[in-house]
Amino acid sequence: MIIALIIRGVTLEGAMTGIEYFILKINTDKLKDLETWVDAANQVYFCLSISQGGLYTLGRHNSFNYNHQRTSTIVAILDGFTGILAGLAIFSVLGYMSNKTGIEVKDLAVGGPGLSFIGI
């Protein structure tokens, strides 16, 4: 589904403006802010905790020597990759909206839960 949203998003007029903002306009001052790191940690715990119940349930079917560390690393890497893909999908649509409305992407990307539903 996210691949379909990315394909649709990048085909929109002005999508590259949003993607350039997502990739190139990094606010390094936010990296010094403790609240940014707390929010990032909360996001990681939320994303990775959703599947924990199922993993505990299905884990009993694994062999004794199953490599849990490798699987955990793969899940964490895939979670980060999915976040990047979601950013591409959302910011391509924000670039389109910026192109149509004349409002800059930085003013459109104000955050909050509403930003999740912008591409739908």
N, C-alpha and C. Protein backbone atom coordinates (compact mmCIF):
# COMPACT_ATOMS: atom_id res chain seq x y z
N MET A 1 0.82 -1.19 0.00
CA MET A 1 0.00 0.00 0.00
C MET A 1 0.87 1.26 0.00
N ILE A 2 1.92 1.23 0.80
CA ILE A 2 2.77 2.42 0.87
C ILE A 2 3.51 2.64 -0.45
N ILE A 3 3.85 1.56 -1.12
CA ILE A 3 4.50 1.68 -2.44
C ILE A 3 3.54 2.33 -3.43
N ALA A 4 2.26 1.96 -3.38
CA ALA A 4 1.26 2.57 -4.26
C ALA A 4 1.12 4.06 -3.96
N LEU A 5 1.14 4.43 -2.69
CA LEU A 5 1.06 5.85 -2.33
C LEU A 5 2.28 6.62 -2.81
N ILE A 6 3.45 6.00 -2.74
CA ILE A 6 4.67 6.66 -3.21
C ILE A 6 4.61 6.84 -4.72
N ILE A 7 4.22 5.79 -5.44
CA ILE A 7 4.14 5.89 -6.90
C ILE A 7 3.15 6.98 -7.29
N ARG A 8 2.00 7.01 -6.65
CA ARG A 8 1.01 8.04 -6.96
C ARG A 8 1.54 9.42 -6.57
N GLY A 9 2.19 9.51 -5.43
CA GLY A 9 2.69 10.81 -4.97
C GLY A 9 3.76 11.41 -5.86
N VAL A 10 4.71 10.57 -6.30
CA VAL A 10 5.80 11.11 -7.11
C VAL A 10 5.36 11.46 -8.52
N THR A 11 4.21 10.97 -8.95
CA THR A 11 3.72 11.33 -10.27
C THR A 11 2.93 12.64 -10.27
N LEU A 12 2.68 13.20 -9.09
CA LEU A 12 1.96 14.46 -9.01
C LEU A 12 2.87 15.63 -9.34
N GLU A 13 2.29 16.67 -9.87
CA GLU A 13 3.03 17.87 -10.24
C GLU A 13 3.53 18.58 -8.97
N GLY A 14 4.82 18.83 -8.90
CA GLY A 14 5.40 19.52 -7.75
C GLY A 14 5.86 18.59 -6.64
N ALA A 15 5.77 17.29 -6.85
CA ALA A 15 6.14 16.33 -5.81
C ALA A 15 7.62 16.44 -5.43
N MET A 16 8.46 16.78 -6.40
CA MET A 16 9.89 16.87 -6.10
C MET A 16 10.20 17.97 -5.09
N THR A 17 9.38 19.00 -5.05
CA THR A 17 9.58 20.06 -4.06
C THR A 17 9.45 19.49 -2.65
N GLY A 18 8.44 18.68 -2.43
CA GLY A 18 8.25 18.06 -1.13
C GLY A 18 9.33 17.06 -0.80
N ILE A 19 9.74 16.26 -1.78
CA ILE A 19 10.79 15.27 -1.54
C ILE A 19 12.12 15.95 -1.25
N GLU A 20 12.42 17.02 -1.96
CA GLU A 20 13.65 17.78 -1.68
C GLU A 20 13.61 18.35 -0.26
N TYR A 21 12.45 18.84 0.16
CA TYR A 21 12.32 19.36 1.53
C TYR A 21 12.56 18.24 2.53
N PHE A 22 12.02 17.06 2.27
CA PHE A 22 12.17 15.92 3.17
C PHE A 22 13.62 15.47 3.28
N ILE A 23 14.33 15.46 2.16
CA ILE A 23 15.69 14.91 2.15
C ILE A 23 16.75 15.97 2.45
N LEU A 24 16.60 17.15 1.90
CA LEU A 24 17.69 18.13 1.93
C LEU A 24 17.56 19.21 3.02
N LYS A 25 16.39 19.50 3.47
CA LYS A 25 16.18 20.59 4.43
C LYS A 25 16.16 20.06 5.86
N ILE A 26 17.29 19.64 6.35
CA ILE A 26 17.38 19.09 7.70
C ILE A 26 17.68 20.22 8.67
N ASN A 27 16.85 20.32 9.69
CA ASN A 27 17.03 21.34 10.72
C ASN A 27 17.93 20.76 11.81
N THR A 28 19.21 21.06 11.75
CA THR A 28 20.16 20.48 12.71
C THR A 28 19.99 21.05 14.12
N ASP A 29 19.34 22.19 14.25
CA ASP A 29 19.10 22.73 15.59
C ASP A 29 18.17 21.83 16.39
N LYS A 30 17.26 21.15 15.71
CA LYS A 30 16.34 20.24 16.39
C LYS A 30 17.08 19.03 16.98
N LEU A 31 18.22 18.69 16.41
CA LEU A 31 18.98 17.55 16.93
C LEU A 31 19.57 17.83 18.30
N LYS A 32 19.71 19.09 18.64
CA LYS A 32 20.24 19.48 19.95
C LYS A 32 19.16 19.54 21.02
N ASP A 33 17.91 19.46 20.61
CA ASP A 33 16.79 19.58 21.53
C ASP A 33 16.46 18.21 22.12
N LEU A 34 16.38 18.12 23.44
CA LEU A 34 16.09 16.86 24.11
C LEU A 34 14.70 16.34 23.77
N GLU A 35 13.75 17.23 23.58
CA GLU A 35 12.38 16.81 23.28
C GLU A 35 12.31 16.04 21.96
N THR A 36 13.16 16.40 21.01
CA THR A 36 13.21 15.68 19.73
C THR A 36 13.60 14.23 19.95
N TRP A 37 14.60 14.00 20.79
CA TRP A 37 15.06 12.65 21.05
C TRP A 37 14.05 11.85 21.86
N VAL A 38 13.35 12.51 22.77
CA VAL A 38 12.30 11.83 23.55
C VAL A 38 11.17 11.42 22.62
N ASP A 39 10.76 12.31 21.72
CA ASP A 39 9.71 11.98 20.75
C ASP A 39 10.14 10.84 19.83
N ALA A 40 11.40 10.85 19.41
CA ALA A 40 11.91 9.77 18.55
C ALA A 40 11.90 8.43 19.28
N ALA A 41 12.32 8.42 20.53
CA ALA A 41 12.31 7.18 21.32
C ALA A 41 10.88 6.68 21.52
N ASN A 42 9.96 7.60 21.79
CA ASN A 42 8.55 7.19 21.93
C ASN A 42 8.03 6.57 20.64
N GLN A 43 8.40 7.14 19.51
CA GLN A 43 7.95 6.60 18.23
C GLN A 43 8.51 5.20 17.99
N VAL A 44 9.77 5.01 18.32
CA VAL A 44 10.39 3.68 18.15
C VAL A 44 9.70 2.67 19.04
N TYR A 45 9.48 3.01 20.31
CA TYR A 45 8.82 2.07 21.21
C TYR A 45 7.41 1.76 20.76
N PHE A 46 6.69 2.77 20.27
CA PHE A 46 5.33 2.55 19.79
C PHE A 46 5.32 1.64 18.57
N CYS A 47 6.16 1.93 17.59
CA CYS A 47 6.17 1.14 16.35
C CYS A 47 6.58 -0.30 16.61
N LEU A 48 7.57 -0.51 17.43
CA LEU A 48 8.07 -1.86 17.65
C LEU A 48 7.22 -2.64 18.65
N SER A 49 6.44 -1.97 19.48
CA SER A 49 5.67 -2.69 20.49
C SER A 49 4.36 -3.24 19.95
N ILE A 50 3.91 -2.76 18.80
CA ILE A 50 2.63 -3.22 18.26
C ILE A 50 2.64 -4.73 18.02
N SER A 51 3.73 -5.24 17.54
CA SER A 51 3.77 -6.67 17.18
C SER A 51 4.27 -7.57 18.30
N GLN A 52 4.55 -7.04 19.46
CA GLN A 52 5.16 -7.85 20.51
C GLN A 52 4.27 -8.99 20.99
N GLY A 53 2.96 -8.75 21.11
CA GLY A 53 2.06 -9.82 21.56
C GLY A 53 2.09 -11.02 20.64
N GLY A 54 2.03 -10.74 19.35
CA GLY A 54 2.09 -11.82 18.38
C GLY A 54 3.43 -12.53 18.37
N LEU A 55 4.50 -11.76 18.57
CA LEU A 55 5.83 -12.38 18.60
C LEU A 55 5.99 -13.31 19.81
N TYR A 56 5.45 -12.89 20.95
CA TYR A 56 5.52 -13.76 22.13
C TYR A 56 4.73 -15.05 21.90
N THR A 57 3.56 -14.90 21.28
CA THR A 57 2.71 -16.06 21.04
C THR A 57 3.37 -17.02 20.04
N LEU A 58 3.88 -16.49 18.94
CA LEU A 58 4.47 -17.34 17.92
C LEU A 58 5.89 -17.79 18.27
N GLY A 59 6.52 -17.12 19.22
CA GLY A 59 7.89 -17.45 19.59
C GLY A 59 8.03 -18.84 20.17
N ARG A 60 6.99 -19.37 20.74
CA ARG A 60 7.09 -20.70 21.33
C ARG A 60 7.24 -21.78 20.27
N HIS A 61 6.95 -21.46 19.02
CA HIS A 61 7.09 -22.44 17.94
C HIS A 61 8.49 -22.47 17.34
N ASN A 62 9.36 -21.55 17.78
CA ASN A 62 10.73 -21.52 17.28
C ASN A 62 11.57 -22.60 17.96
N SER A 63 12.62 -23.02 17.27
CA SER A 63 13.52 -23.99 17.88
C SER A 63 14.33 -23.31 18.98
N PHE A 64 14.96 -24.11 19.80
CA PHE A 64 15.72 -23.59 20.93
C PHE A 64 16.89 -22.71 20.47
N ASN A 65 17.50 -23.04 19.36
CA ASN A 65 18.67 -22.32 18.87
C ASN A 65 18.32 -21.25 17.83
N TYR A 66 17.08 -20.83 17.77
CA TYR A 66 16.65 -19.80 16.81
C TYR A 66 17.39 -18.49 17.09
N ASN A 67 17.81 -17.80 16.04
CA ASN A 67 18.60 -16.57 16.17
C ASN A 67 17.67 -15.36 16.35
N HIS A 68 17.28 -15.10 17.59
CA HIS A 68 16.36 -14.00 17.89
C HIS A 68 17.02 -12.64 17.68
N GLN A 69 18.31 -12.55 17.92
CA GLN A 69 19.01 -11.28 17.75
C GLN A 69 18.99 -10.83 16.29
N ARG A 70 19.20 -11.74 15.38
CA ARG A 70 19.16 -11.40 13.96
C ARG A 70 17.76 -10.94 13.55
N THR A 71 16.75 -11.65 14.00
CA THR A 71 15.38 -11.29 13.66
C THR A 71 15.01 -9.93 14.24
N SER A 72 15.42 -9.65 15.46
CA SER A 72 15.14 -8.35 16.07
C SER A 72 15.83 -7.23 15.31
N THR A 73 17.04 -7.46 14.86
CA THR A 73 17.76 -6.45 14.08
C THR A 73 17.06 -6.21 12.75
N ILE A 74 16.62 -7.26 12.11
CA ILE A 74 15.91 -7.11 10.83
C ILE A 74 14.62 -6.32 11.02
N VAL A 75 13.88 -6.62 12.08
CA VAL A 75 12.62 -5.90 12.36
C VAL A 75 12.90 -4.42 12.60
N ALA A 76 13.94 -4.10 13.35
CA ALA A 76 14.27 -2.70 13.62
C ALA A 76 14.69 -1.96 12.35
N ILE A 77 15.47 -2.61 11.50
CA ILE A 77 15.90 -1.98 10.24
C ILE A 77 14.70 -1.77 9.32
N LEU A 78 13.84 -2.77 9.22
CA LEU A 78 12.64 -2.63 8.39
C LEU A 78 11.72 -1.54 8.91
N ASP A 79 11.65 -1.37 10.22
CA ASP A 79 10.84 -0.30 10.80
C ASP A 79 11.37 1.07 10.39
N GLY A 80 12.67 1.26 10.45
CA GLY A 80 13.26 2.51 10.02
C GLY A 80 13.07 2.77 8.53
N PHE A 81 13.23 1.73 7.72
CA PHE A 81 13.03 1.84 6.28
C PHE A 81 11.58 2.20 5.94
N THR A 82 10.65 1.61 6.68
CA THR A 82 9.24 1.93 6.47
C THR A 82 8.95 3.39 6.82
N GLY A 83 9.60 3.91 7.85
CA GLY A 83 9.44 5.32 8.19
C GLY A 83 9.93 6.24 7.09
N ILE A 84 11.03 5.87 6.47
CA ILE A 84 11.55 6.67 5.35
C ILE A 84 10.59 6.61 4.16
N LEU A 85 10.06 5.43 3.88
CA LEU A 85 9.09 5.30 2.79
C LEU A 85 7.84 6.12 3.07
N ALA A 86 7.38 6.10 4.32
CA ALA A 86 6.20 6.90 4.68
C ALA A 86 6.48 8.39 4.50
N GLY A 87 7.69 8.82 4.85
CA GLY A 87 8.07 10.21 4.65
C GLY A 87 8.05 10.60 3.18
N LEU A 88 8.54 9.70 2.31
CA LEU A 88 8.50 9.96 0.87
C LEU A 88 7.06 10.09 0.38
N ALA A 89 6.20 9.21 0.86
CA ALA A 89 4.80 9.26 0.43
C ALA A 89 4.13 10.56 0.87
N ILE A 90 4.34 10.94 2.11
CA ILE A 90 3.68 12.14 2.64
C ILE A 90 4.26 13.42 2.03
N PHE A 91 5.58 13.51 1.95
CA PHE A 91 6.17 14.75 1.47
C PHE A 91 6.02 14.93 -0.04
N SER A 92 5.83 13.86 -0.78
CA SER A 92 5.54 14.04 -2.20
C SER A 92 4.17 14.68 -2.37
N VAL A 93 3.20 14.27 -1.56
CA VAL A 93 1.87 14.89 -1.61
C VAL A 93 1.93 16.31 -1.08
N LEU A 94 2.76 16.57 -0.06
CA LEU A 94 2.90 17.95 0.43
C LEU A 94 3.51 18.85 -0.63
N GLY A 95 4.44 18.33 -1.43
CA GLY A 95 4.99 19.11 -2.54
C GLY A 95 3.93 19.45 -3.55
N TYR A 96 3.05 18.50 -3.83
CA TYR A 96 1.93 18.75 -4.74
C TYR A 96 1.01 19.82 -4.17
N MET A 97 0.68 19.69 -2.89
CA MET A 97 -0.19 20.69 -2.25
C MET A 97 0.46 22.06 -2.26
N SER A 98 1.76 22.10 -2.05
CA SER A 98 2.48 23.36 -2.09
C SER A 98 2.42 23.98 -3.49
N ASN A 99 2.54 23.15 -4.48
CA ASN A 99 2.48 23.62 -5.87
C ASN A 99 1.10 24.18 -6.20
N LYS A 100 0.06 23.52 -5.73
CA LYS A 100 -1.31 23.95 -6.04
C LYS A 100 -1.76 25.17 -5.24
N THR A 101 -1.33 25.26 -3.97
CA THR A 101 -1.81 26.35 -3.12
C THR A 101 -0.88 27.55 -3.08
N GLY A 102 0.39 27.35 -3.42
CA GLY A 102 1.35 28.44 -3.34
C GLY A 102 1.93 28.62 -1.95
N ILE A 103 1.57 27.75 -1.03
CA ILE A 103 2.11 27.78 0.34
C ILE A 103 3.35 26.91 0.37
N GLU A 104 4.40 27.36 1.05
CA GLU A 104 5.65 26.58 1.11
C GLU A 104 5.44 25.28 1.89
N VAL A 105 6.27 24.28 1.57
CA VAL A 105 6.16 22.97 2.21
C VAL A 105 6.38 23.09 3.71
N LYS A 106 7.30 23.95 4.13
CA LYS A 106 7.57 24.08 5.56
C LYS A 106 6.36 24.59 6.33
N ASP A 107 5.49 25.34 5.66
CA ASP A 107 4.27 25.81 6.32
C ASP A 107 3.17 24.77 6.28
N LEU A 108 3.22 23.86 5.33
CA LEU A 108 2.23 22.79 5.25
C LEU A 108 2.56 21.65 6.21
N ALA A 109 3.85 21.38 6.41
CA ALA A 109 4.29 20.26 7.25
C ALA A 109 4.37 20.71 8.70
N VAL A 110 3.23 20.96 9.31
CA VAL A 110 3.21 21.45 10.69
C VAL A 110 3.16 20.32 11.70
N GLY A 111 2.96 19.08 11.26
CA GLY A 111 2.96 17.94 12.16
C GLY A 111 1.58 17.65 12.71
N GLY A 112 1.54 16.75 13.65
CA GLY A 112 0.27 16.36 14.24
C GLY A 112 -0.32 15.14 13.54
N PRO A 113 -1.38 14.60 14.11
CA PRO A 113 -1.96 13.39 13.52
C PRO A 113 -2.61 13.61 12.17
N GLY A 114 -3.03 14.83 11.86
CA GLY A 114 -3.64 15.12 10.57
C GLY A 114 -2.69 14.92 9.41
N LEU A 115 -1.38 15.06 9.66
CA LEU A 115 -0.39 14.88 8.60
C LEU A 115 -0.38 13.44 8.09
N SER A 116 -0.79 12.50 8.89
CA SER A 116 -0.82 11.09 8.48
C SER A 116 -1.86 10.85 7.40
N PHE A 117 -2.91 11.63 7.38
CA PHE A 117 -4.02 11.37 6.47
C PHE A 117 -4.00 12.27 5.24
N ILE A 118 -2.91 13.00 5.05
CA ILE A 118 -2.85 13.94 3.94
C ILE A 118 -2.82 13.25 2.59
N GLY A 119 -2.19 12.09 2.50
CA GLY A 119 -2.07 11.40 1.22
C GLY A 119 -3.28 10.55 0.85
N ILE A 120 -4.22 10.43 1.75
CA ILE A 120 -5.38 9.55 1.50
C ILE A 120 -6.43 10.28 0.71
